[in-house]
Amino acid sequence: MTQIPVVAAVIRRENKVLLARRPDHKRHGGLWEFPGGKVDEGETEVDAVTRELLEELGVETVSVGSVVYACRDPGSPFLVRFLDVAIRGVPEPTEHTEISWIEPDSLPALDLAPCDARFVAEHLLRLPR
């Protein structure tokens, strides 16, 4: 199966991270995720996350860090790579049904997309605070 690269933005504000609920008609519909999307042909991960955040949230990307975690989405060709991202602007959900700033300790109680749940359990909650 060919891998399709996907970027997921880990956006922080104070002690919270930004999550978005996927539309019901899409894969993992209704589940929460870190915003992002597929890397198009010829795009870098930075280009892709910048484009996706502008399209999905209407925000400008200020900086993009390196990949902090990667996960193969079960039963699909998607390889999701999580990157720390700083933004400018007020996020508004244009493609998601809702967005929310959530404390990391509260994330396990949410219905998260599979890779997002693994990222939270295996990486985010293990970081020193």
C-alpha atoms as a PDB file:
ATOM      1  CA  MET A   1       0.000   0.000   0.000  1.00  0.00           C
ATOM      2  CA  THR A   2       1.389   3.399  -0.986  1.00  0.00           C
ATOM      3  CA  GLN A   3       1.871   5.808   1.900  1.00  0.00           C
ATOM      4  CA  ILE A   4       0.057   9.130   1.766  1.00  0.00           C
ATOM      5  CA  PRO A   5       1.732  11.758   3.979  1.00  0.00           C
ATOM      6  CA  VAL A   6      -0.494  13.760   6.320  1.00  0.00           C
ATOM      7  CA  VAL A   7       0.523  16.597   8.647  1.00  0.00           C
ATOM      8  CA  ALA A   8      -1.105  17.325  12.015  1.00  0.00           C
ATOM      9  CA  ALA A   9      -0.472  20.652  13.763  1.00  0.00           C
ATOM     10  CA  VAL A  10       0.145  20.708  17.506  1.00  0.00           C
ATOM     11  CA  ILE A  11      -0.829  24.297  18.318  1.00  0.00           C
ATOM     12  CA  ARG A  12      -0.392  25.461  21.905  1.00  0.00           C
ATOM     13  CA  ARG A  13      -1.840  28.417  23.798  1.00  0.00           C
ATOM     14  CA  GLU A  14      -0.824  28.747  27.428  1.00  0.00           C
ATOM     15  CA  ASN A  15      -1.279  25.220  28.817  1.00  0.00           C
ATOM     16  CA  LYS A  16      -3.789  24.050  26.162  1.00  0.00           C
ATOM     17  CA  VAL A  17      -3.699  22.559  22.676  1.00  0.00           C
ATOM     18  CA  LEU A  18      -6.089  23.183  19.788  1.00  0.00           C
ATOM     19  CA  LEU A  19      -8.265  20.291  18.646  1.00  0.00           C
ATOM     20  CA  ALA A  20     -10.903  20.118  15.928  1.00  0.00           C
ATOM     21  CA  ARG A  21     -13.870  17.763  15.454  1.00  0.00           C
ATOM     22  CA  ARG A  22     -13.973  16.060  12.046  1.00  0.00           C
ATOM     23  CA  PRO A  23     -17.102  16.425   9.890  1.00  0.00           C
ATOM     24  CA  ASP A  24     -19.425  13.411  10.129  1.00  0.00           C
ATOM     25  CA  HIS A  25     -19.151  12.543   6.412  1.00  0.00           C
ATOM     26  CA  LYS A  26     -15.323  12.167   6.456  1.00  0.00           C
ATOM     27  CA  ARG A  27     -13.073   9.307   7.591  1.00  0.00           C
ATOM     28  CA  HIS A  28     -13.150   9.228  11.424  1.00  0.00           C
ATOM     29  CA  GLY A  29     -16.180  11.545  11.266  1.00  0.00           C
ATOM     30  CA  GLY A  30     -17.176  13.113  14.586  1.00  0.00           C
ATOM     31  CA  LEU A  31     -13.817  12.327  16.205  1.00  0.00           C
ATOM     32  CA  TRP A  32     -11.425  14.966  17.505  1.00  0.00           C
ATOM     33  CA  GLU A  33      -8.054  15.555  15.845  1.00  0.00           C
ATOM     34  CA  PHE A  34      -5.126  17.909  15.688  1.00  0.00           C
ATOM     35  CA  PRO A  35      -5.858  20.030  12.585  1.00  0.00           C
ATOM     36  CA  GLY A  36      -4.003  19.450   9.329  1.00  0.00           C
ATOM     37  CA  GLY A  37      -4.337  17.353   6.220  1.00  0.00           C
ATOM     38  CA  LYS A  38      -2.713  15.614   3.280  1.00  0.00           C
ATOM     39  CA  VAL A  39       0.579  16.766   1.827  1.00  0.00           C
ATOM     40  CA  ASP A  40      -0.064  17.460  -1.863  1.00  0.00           C
ATOM     41  CA  GLU A  41       2.306  16.379  -4.628  1.00  0.00           C
ATOM     42  CA  GLY A  42       5.343  18.696  -4.691  1.00  0.00           C
ATOM     43  CA  GLU A  43       4.576  20.239  -1.269  1.00  0.00           C
ATOM     44  CA  THR A  44       6.830  20.167   1.763  1.00  0.00           C
ATOM     45  CA  GLU A  45       5.318  19.412   5.163  1.00  0.00           C
ATOM     46  CA  VAL A  46       5.708  23.101   6.057  1.00  0.00           C
ATOM     47  CA  ASP A  47       3.872  24.128   2.861  1.00  0.00           C
ATOM     48  CA  ALA A  48       1.101  21.617   3.566  1.00  0.00           C
ATOM     49  CA  VAL A  49       0.513  22.580   7.202  1.00  0.00           C
ATOM     50  CA  THR A  50       0.576  26.289   6.266  1.00  0.00           C
ATOM     51  CA  ARG A  51      -2.017  25.737   3.505  1.00  0.00           C
ATOM     52  CA  GLU A  52      -4.222  23.451   5.595  1.00  0.00           C
ATOM     53  CA  LEU A  53      -4.343  25.797   8.608  1.00  0.00           C
ATOM     54  CA  LEU A  54      -5.233  28.747   6.390  1.00  0.00           C
ATOM     55  CA  GLU A  55      -7.974  26.724   4.631  1.00  0.00           C
ATOM     56  CA  GLU A  56      -9.375  24.983   7.723  1.00  0.00           C
ATOM     57  CA  LEU A  57      -8.937  27.621  10.435  1.00  0.00           C
ATOM     58  CA  GLY A  58      -8.205  30.915   8.659  1.00  0.00           C
ATOM     59  CA  VAL A  59      -4.929  31.419  10.535  1.00  0.00           C
ATOM     60  CA  GLU A  60      -1.400  32.313   9.478  1.00  0.00           C
ATOM     61  CA  THR A  61       1.397  29.891  10.298  1.00  0.00           C
ATOM     62  CA  VAL A  62       4.268  31.684  12.073  1.00  0.00           C
ATOM     63  CA  SER A  63       6.641  28.744  12.613  1.00  0.00           C
ATOM     64  CA  VAL A  64       6.751  24.981  12.128  1.00  0.00           C
ATOM     65  CA  GLY A  65       8.949  22.717  14.217  1.00  0.00           C
ATOM     66  CA  SER A  66      10.244  19.290  13.364  1.00  0.00           C
ATOM     67  CA  VAL A  67       8.167  16.123  13.444  1.00  0.00           C
ATOM     68  CA  VAL A  68       7.596  15.071  17.069  1.00  0.00           C
ATOM     69  CA  TYR A  69       5.608  11.874  16.401  1.00  0.00           C
ATOM     70  CA  ALA A  70       4.482   9.763  13.437  1.00  0.00           C
ATOM     71  CA  CYS A  71       1.709   7.177  13.192  1.00  0.00           C
ATOM     72  CA  ARG A  72       0.262   4.996  10.441  1.00  0.00           C
ATOM     73  CA  ASP A  73      -3.535   5.407  10.425  1.00  0.00           C
ATOM     74  CA  PRO A  74      -4.993   1.898  10.884  1.00  0.00           C
ATOM     75  CA  GLY A  75      -6.586   0.456   7.750  1.00  0.00           C
ATOM     76  CA  SER A  76      -5.495   3.299   5.486  1.00  0.00           C
ATOM     77  CA  PRO A  77      -2.467   4.476   3.515  1.00  0.00           C
ATOM     78  CA  PHE A  78      -2.144   7.635   5.658  1.00  0.00           C
ATOM     79  CA  LEU A  79       1.058   8.303   7.596  1.00  0.00           C
ATOM     80  CA  VAL A  80       0.273  11.101  10.053  1.00  0.00           C
ATOM     81  CA  ARG A  81       3.205  13.247  11.169  1.00  0.00           C
ATOM     82  CA  PHE A  82       2.670  15.590  14.131  1.00  0.00           C
ATOM     83  CA  LEU A  83       4.543  18.919  14.134  1.00  0.00           C
ATOM     84  CA  ASP A  84       4.683  21.759  16.650  1.00  0.00           C
ATOM     85  CA  VAL A  85       3.190  24.846  14.976  1.00  0.00           C
ATOM     86  CA  ALA A  86       2.810  28.471  16.062  1.00  0.00           C
ATOM     87  CA  ILE A  87       0.001  30.526  14.510  1.00  0.00           C
ATOM     88  CA  ARG A  88      -1.193  34.103  14.264  1.00  0.00           C
ATOM     89  CA  GLY A  89      -4.897  34.917  14.259  1.00  0.00           C
ATOM     90  CA  VAL A  90      -8.055  33.578  15.825  1.00  0.00           C
ATOM     91  CA  PRO A  91      -8.905  30.058  14.612  1.00  0.00           C
ATOM     92  CA  GLU A  92     -12.399  29.621  13.167  1.00  0.00           C
ATOM     93  CA  PRO A  93     -13.688  26.201  12.065  1.00  0.00           C
ATOM     94  CA  THR A  94     -14.413  26.357   8.342  1.00  0.00           C
ATOM     95  CA  GLU A  95     -14.187  22.613   7.628  1.00  0.00           C
ATOM     96  CA  HIS A  96     -14.520  21.110  11.117  1.00  0.00           C
ATOM     97  CA  THR A  97     -17.777  21.047  13.057  1.00  0.00           C
ATOM     98  CA  GLU A  98     -16.102  22.696  16.072  1.00  0.00           C
ATOM     99  CA  ILE A  99     -12.741  23.546  17.595  1.00  0.00           C
ATOM    100  CA  SER A 100     -11.636  23.798  21.211  1.00  0.00           C
ATOM    101  CA  TRP A 101      -8.583  24.642  23.317  1.00  0.00           C
ATOM    102  CA  ILE A 102      -8.124  21.687  25.662  1.00  0.00           C
ATOM    103  CA  GLU A 103      -5.723  20.894  28.502  1.00  0.00           C
ATOM    104  CA  PRO A 104      -3.603  17.841  27.621  1.00  0.00           C
ATOM    105  CA  ASP A 105      -4.730  15.926  30.736  1.00  0.00           C
ATOM    106  CA  SER A 106      -8.354  16.161  29.485  1.00  0.00           C
ATOM    107  CA  LEU A 107      -7.597  14.734  26.033  1.00  0.00           C
ATOM    108  CA  PRO A 108      -7.908  11.010  26.895  1.00  0.00           C
ATOM    109  CA  ALA A 109     -11.589  11.609  27.779  1.00  0.00           C
ATOM    110  CA  LEU A 110     -12.326  12.802  24.219  1.00  0.00           C
ATOM    111  CA  ASP A 111     -13.223  10.600  21.265  1.00  0.00           C
ATOM    112  CA  LEU A 112      -9.977  11.050  19.346  1.00  0.00           C
ATOM    113  CA  ALA A 113      -9.069   9.792  15.872  1.00  0.00           C
ATOM    114  CA  PRO A 114      -6.787   6.722  16.187  1.00  0.00           C
ATOM    115  CA  CYS A 115      -3.421   8.374  15.468  1.00  0.00           C
ATOM    116  CA  ASP A 116      -4.324  11.393  17.558  1.00  0.00           C
ATOM    117  CA  ALA A 117      -5.145   9.119  20.509  1.00  0.00           C
ATOM    118  CA  ARG A 118      -1.784   7.349  20.128  1.00  0.00           C
ATOM    119  CA  PHE A 119       0.055  10.673  19.879  1.00  0.00           C
ATOM    120  CA  VAL A 120      -1.604  11.898  23.081  1.00  0.00           C
ATOM    121  CA  ALA A 121      -0.907   8.675  25.033  1.00  0.00           C
ATOM    122  CA  GLU A 122       2.577   7.904  23.706  1.00  0.00           C
ATOM    123  CA  HIS A 123       4.017  11.405  23.369  1.00  0.00           C
ATOM    124  CA  LEU A 124       2.050  14.433  24.570  1.00  0.00           C
ATOM    125  CA  LEU A 125       1.154  13.155  28.047  1.00  0.00           C
ATOM    126  CA  ARG A 126       4.731  11.988  28.616  1.00  0.00           C
ATOM    127  CA  LEU A 127       6.226  15.459  28.147  1.00  0.00           C
ATOM    128  CA  PRO A 128       7.380  17.258  31.318  1.00  0.00           C
ATOM    129  CA  ARG A 129       5.078  20.071  32.395  1.00  0.00           C
END
